Protein backbone atom coordinates (compact mmCIF):
# COMPACT_ATOMS: atom_id res chain seq x y z
CA MET A 1 -15.97 8.92 9.78
CA SER A 2 -13.50 11.46 9.48
CA ASN A 3 -12.46 13.02 5.93
CA ARG A 4 -8.87 11.98 5.45
CA GLY A 5 -8.71 12.86 1.76
CA GLU A 6 -10.31 9.94 -0.06
CA SER A 7 -12.30 12.30 -2.08
CA SER A 8 -9.72 13.91 -3.60
CA PHE A 9 -8.31 10.69 -4.86
CA VAL A 10 -12.12 9.79 -6.37
CA LYS A 11 -11.72 12.90 -8.17
CA LEU A 12 -8.49 12.34 -9.37
CA PRO A 13 -7.51 14.09 -13.30
CA LYS A 14 -6.22 11.88 -15.53
CA PHE A 15 -3.32 14.05 -15.64
CA ALA A 16 -2.54 13.81 -12.02
CA ALA A 17 -2.55 10.21 -12.46
CA LYS A 18 0.19 9.87 -14.93
CA GLN A 19 2.10 12.28 -13.11
CA TYR A 20 1.86 10.08 -10.34
CA ASP A 21 2.98 7.29 -12.16
CA LYS A 22 5.94 8.73 -13.51
CA MET A 23 7.25 9.79 -10.31
CA MET A 24 6.32 6.04 -9.05
CA GLN A 25 8.83 5.06 -11.73
CA LEU A 26 11.74 6.56 -10.52
CA GLU A 27 14.49 3.92 -9.35
CA PRO A 28 14.07 4.51 -5.57
CA MET A 29 10.37 3.59 -5.67
CA ARG A 30 11.21 0.76 -8.11
CA GLU A 31 13.55 -0.67 -5.55
CA GLN A 32 10.86 -0.24 -2.73
CA ARG A 33 8.52 -1.96 -4.64
CA VAL A 34 10.61 -4.66 -4.95
CA GLN A 35 11.54 -5.12 -1.34
CA ILE A 36 7.50 -5.25 -0.86
CA ALA A 37 7.12 -8.05 -3.30
CA GLU A 38 10.23 -9.83 -1.60
CA ILE A 39 8.54 -9.87 1.84
CA LEU A 40 5.01 -10.63 0.31
CA ILE A 41 6.22 -14.00 -1.60
CA LEU A 42 7.77 -15.28 1.91
CA GLN A 43 3.67 -15.37 2.63
CA ILE A 44 2.65 -17.24 -0.25
CA ASN A 45 3.33 -19.63 -3.00
CA GLU A 46 0.36 -19.81 -4.40
CA GLY A 47 -3.12 -18.46 -4.51
CA THR A 48 -4.78 -15.34 -4.03
CA LEU A 49 -3.51 -11.69 -3.34
CA LEU A 50 -5.37 -8.33 -3.51
CA ASP A 51 -3.00 -5.47 -2.89
CA ILE A 52 -5.44 -2.27 -2.03
CA GLY A 53 -4.61 0.98 -3.25
CA THR A 54 -2.95 -0.37 -6.23
CA GLY A 55 -2.96 2.71 -7.53
CA HIS A 56 -0.78 2.25 -11.19
CA GLY A 57 -0.50 -1.63 -10.44
CA ARG A 58 3.30 -1.80 -10.17
CA LEU A 59 3.48 -3.51 -6.91
CA LEU A 60 1.29 -6.50 -8.97
CA ILE A 61 4.07 -6.36 -11.98
CA GLU A 62 7.24 -7.24 -9.34
CA ILE A 63 4.97 -9.91 -7.32
CA ASN A 64 4.28 -11.14 -10.71
CA LYS A 65 8.30 -11.13 -11.89
CA LEU A 66 8.89 -13.43 -8.46
CA ASN A 67 5.87 -16.11 -8.41
CA PRO A 68 4.18 -15.84 -11.71
CA LYS A 69 1.80 -18.67 -9.92
CA ILE A 70 -0.08 -16.20 -7.52
CA GLU A 71 -3.25 -14.69 -8.57
CA LEU A 72 -3.24 -11.16 -8.49
CA TYR A 73 -6.08 -9.05 -8.02
CA GLY A 74 -5.92 -4.75 -7.31
CA LEU A 75 -8.51 -2.79 -5.51
CA ASP A 76 -8.22 1.26 -5.80
CA ILE A 77 -10.60 4.03 -5.32
CA SER A 78 -9.34 5.98 -8.19
CA GLN A 79 -11.26 4.80 -11.75
CA LYS A 80 -7.73 6.75 -13.25
CA MET A 81 -5.52 5.02 -11.34
CA ILE A 82 -7.28 1.64 -12.28
CA ASP A 83 -6.93 2.46 -16.16
CA LEU A 84 -3.37 3.36 -15.89
CA ALA A 85 -2.83 -0.49 -13.62
CA LYS A 86 -4.47 -2.03 -16.48
CA ALA A 87 -2.11 -0.68 -19.25
CA ASN A 88 0.66 -1.37 -17.07
CA LEU A 89 -0.94 -4.99 -16.43
CA LYS A 90 -2.18 -5.31 -19.99
CA ASN A 91 -0.02 -8.52 -20.48
CA ILE A 92 -0.20 -10.02 -16.83
CA ASN A 93 -3.52 -11.63 -15.74
CA ALA A 94 -4.72 -9.86 -12.95
CA ASN A 95 -8.20 -8.65 -12.01
CA LEU A 96 -8.51 -4.77 -11.10
CA GLN A 97 -11.28 -3.18 -9.75
CA THR A 98 -12.74 0.41 -8.98
CA GLY A 99 -14.09 0.18 -5.47
CA ASN A 100 -13.57 1.45 -1.75
CA ILE A 101 -11.95 -1.52 0.86
CA THR A 102 -14.91 -0.59 3.43
CA SER A 103 -17.35 -2.76 0.66
CA THR A 104 -16.06 -4.87 -1.69
CA ASN A 105 -18.08 -7.20 -3.95
CA TYR A 106 -15.35 -10.44 -3.42
CA GLY A 107 -16.73 -13.36 -1.27
CA ASN A 108 -16.29 -14.42 2.27
CA ASP A 109 -13.05 -16.10 2.71
CA TYR A 110 -11.62 -15.80 -0.46
CA PHE A 111 -7.96 -14.09 -0.27
CA ASP A 112 -4.74 -15.92 0.88
CA LEU A 113 -3.37 -12.82 1.22
CA VAL A 114 -4.14 -8.89 1.71
CA THR A 115 -1.49 -6.31 1.61
CA CYS A 116 -1.71 -2.37 1.48
CA THR A 117 1.11 -0.26 0.95
CA GLY A 118 1.73 3.54 2.47
CA SER A 119 -2.35 4.50 1.60
CA PHE A 120 -3.86 3.55 5.12
CA TYR A 121 -3.68 6.47 6.48
CA LEU A 122 -6.09 7.84 3.79
CA TRP A 123 -8.95 5.71 4.54
CA ASP A 124 -11.61 7.70 6.09
CA ALA A 125 -13.08 4.65 7.73
CA PRO A 126 -10.12 2.70 8.76
CA VAL A 127 -12.51 0.44 11.27
CA GLU A 128 -14.56 -0.40 8.43
CA GLY A 129 -11.74 -1.19 6.52
CA LEU A 130 -10.08 -3.68 8.36
CA ASN A 131 -13.33 -5.31 8.95
CA GLU A 132 -13.77 -5.95 5.20
CA ILE A 133 -10.50 -7.23 4.74
CA HIS A 134 -11.14 -10.07 7.73
CA ARG A 135 -14.49 -10.80 5.84
CA ILE A 136 -12.58 -11.50 2.53
CA LEU A 137 -9.43 -13.34 3.63
CA LYS A 138 -9.30 -16.88 4.50
CA THR A 139 -8.87 -17.79 8.14
CA LYS A 140 -5.73 -18.69 9.46
CA LYS A 141 -4.25 -16.26 6.90
CA THR A 142 -2.74 -12.67 7.21
CA ALA A 143 -2.76 -9.37 5.81
CA ILE A 144 0.43 -6.97 5.78
CA LEU A 145 -0.19 -3.49 5.88
CA PHE A 146 3.06 -1.46 4.67
CA GLU A 147 2.69 1.62 6.31
CA SER A 148 4.51 4.81 7.24
CA HIS A 149 4.46 6.39 10.92
CA LYS A 150 5.77 9.82 13.39
CA GLU A 151 8.12 8.47 15.17
CA TYR A 152 11.84 8.30 13.20
CA ASN A 153 14.90 10.14 13.25
CA GLU A 154 14.06 13.26 11.16
CA SER A 155 17.46 14.15 10.37
CA ASN A 156 18.55 10.52 9.61
CA LEU A 157 15.30 10.97 7.58
CA LYS A 158 16.24 13.84 5.26
CA GLU A 159 19.79 12.20 4.70
CA GLN A 160 19.13 8.72 3.42
CA ILE A 161 16.42 10.61 0.90
CA LYS A 162 19.13 13.03 -0.71
CA ARG A 163 21.16 9.99 -0.88
CA ASN A 164 18.19 8.51 -2.78
CA LEU A 165 17.25 10.89 -4.79
CA ALA A 166 21.20 11.80 -5.69
CA ARG A 167 20.93 10.56 -9.31
CA GLU A 168 17.28 12.19 -9.99
CA GLY A 169 16.96 15.21 -12.00
CA PHE A 170 16.16 18.89 -9.69
CA ILE A 171 12.58 18.64 -10.23
CA ASN A 172 11.98 14.93 -8.85
CA ARG A 173 14.60 15.66 -5.85
CA LYS A 174 11.84 18.69 -4.66
CA LEU A 175 8.75 16.96 -5.48
CA VAL A 176 9.35 13.58 -3.68
CA PRO A 177 10.53 15.09 -0.43
CA ARG A 178 7.49 17.54 -0.55
CA PHE A 179 4.92 14.19 -1.26
CA LEU A 180 6.63 12.58 1.50
CA LYS A 181 6.41 15.26 3.91
CA LYS A 182 2.77 15.56 3.29
CA GLN A 183 1.95 11.99 4.07
CA LEU A 184 3.98 12.03 7.20
CA LYS A 185 1.99 15.02 8.45
CA MET A 186 -1.13 12.58 8.15
CA THR A 187 0.12 9.51 8.97
CA TYR A 188 -0.50 7.53 12.27
CA ASP A 189 1.78 7.15 15.05
CA ILE A 190 2.06 3.53 16.19
CA LYS A 191 -0.47 3.71 19.15
CA GLU A 192 -3.02 5.30 16.96
CA LEU A 193 -2.80 2.35 14.51
CA GLU A 194 -3.07 -0.20 17.64
CA GLU A 195 -6.35 1.49 18.69
CA ILE A 196 -7.77 1.18 15.36
CA ILE A 197 -6.45 -2.28 15.01
CA ASN A 198 -8.20 -3.00 18.40
CA SER A 199 -11.25 -1.39 17.42
CA SER A 200 -11.46 -4.38 14.96
CA LEU A 201 -12.33 -7.67 14.22
CA PHE A 202 -8.43 -8.23 14.16
CA LYS A 203 -8.31 -7.53 18.29
CA ASN A 204 -5.37 -9.03 19.38
CA HIS A 205 -4.50 -10.50 16.49
CA TYR A 206 -1.51 -8.62 15.06
CA SER A 207 2.25 -7.60 15.61
CA ILE A 208 3.82 -4.20 14.26
CA GLN A 209 7.46 -4.00 13.47
CA LYS A 210 9.40 -0.97 12.72
CA ILE A 211 11.07 -1.79 8.76
CA THR A 212 13.44 0.42 6.50
CA LEU A 213 12.47 0.48 2.96
CA VAL A 214 15.25 1.98 0.66
CA ASN A 215 16.75 2.84 4.22
CA LEU A 216 13.94 5.07 5.12
CA PRO A 217 13.31 4.58 9.09
CA ILE A 218 9.98 5.43 8.73
CA TRP A 219 7.93 2.36 7.82
CA LEU A 220 6.08 -0.30 9.80
CA LYS A 221 5.10 -4.13 8.62
CA ILE A 222 1.56 -4.30 10.19
CA GLU A 223 0.49 -8.21 10.53
CA ILE A 224 -2.96 -8.38 11.03
CA LYS A 225 -4.10 -12.33 11.17
CA LYS A 226 -7.98 -14.03 11.05
CA GLU A 227 -8.24 -16.32 13.43
């Protein structure tokens, strides 16, 4: 098991969680969540949905706007983030828990859809995490991970980030690219992701597709299916 940064999120201070939540309210971030929510609701009309690494819980808000029939669950390793999510979702019925995806208290074959956005690269034990998803996911159902990757055009990325943040304040125009650069330095390439998935119970039952979110050419849509 490698140390990819989970411990820093477990110990995340309250002020840092609030600062992150504030940054995630920027218009490009909100639009990214809307785009992800639109993809997800094509996979589920009703039933149970788990968002791993739910953080501030704002993706669940967008999903609820599009389809309030879906039963929402959120899991995050940071108690401070879950506290924020509970405040953000105070008017929405959602089950929010602090915990690690490698070991949860959800029942076998419980969820109709499991998702995760931009945090898989931080999991210290990704194979164990995928195996737990396999346990809690219903048979014939799919988990969809939205994950960044390293195989992108750097000049294209820089130009699009500049466009996305053109209307934001000076501080955010500096901070957002810095956070993204740190993420992309740590993220996996496609071959590494395939090796991880094929070491799990989802072996040979996955697809990886390059996509753009808010026109950023760094994203993958990873579908893993429980057979």
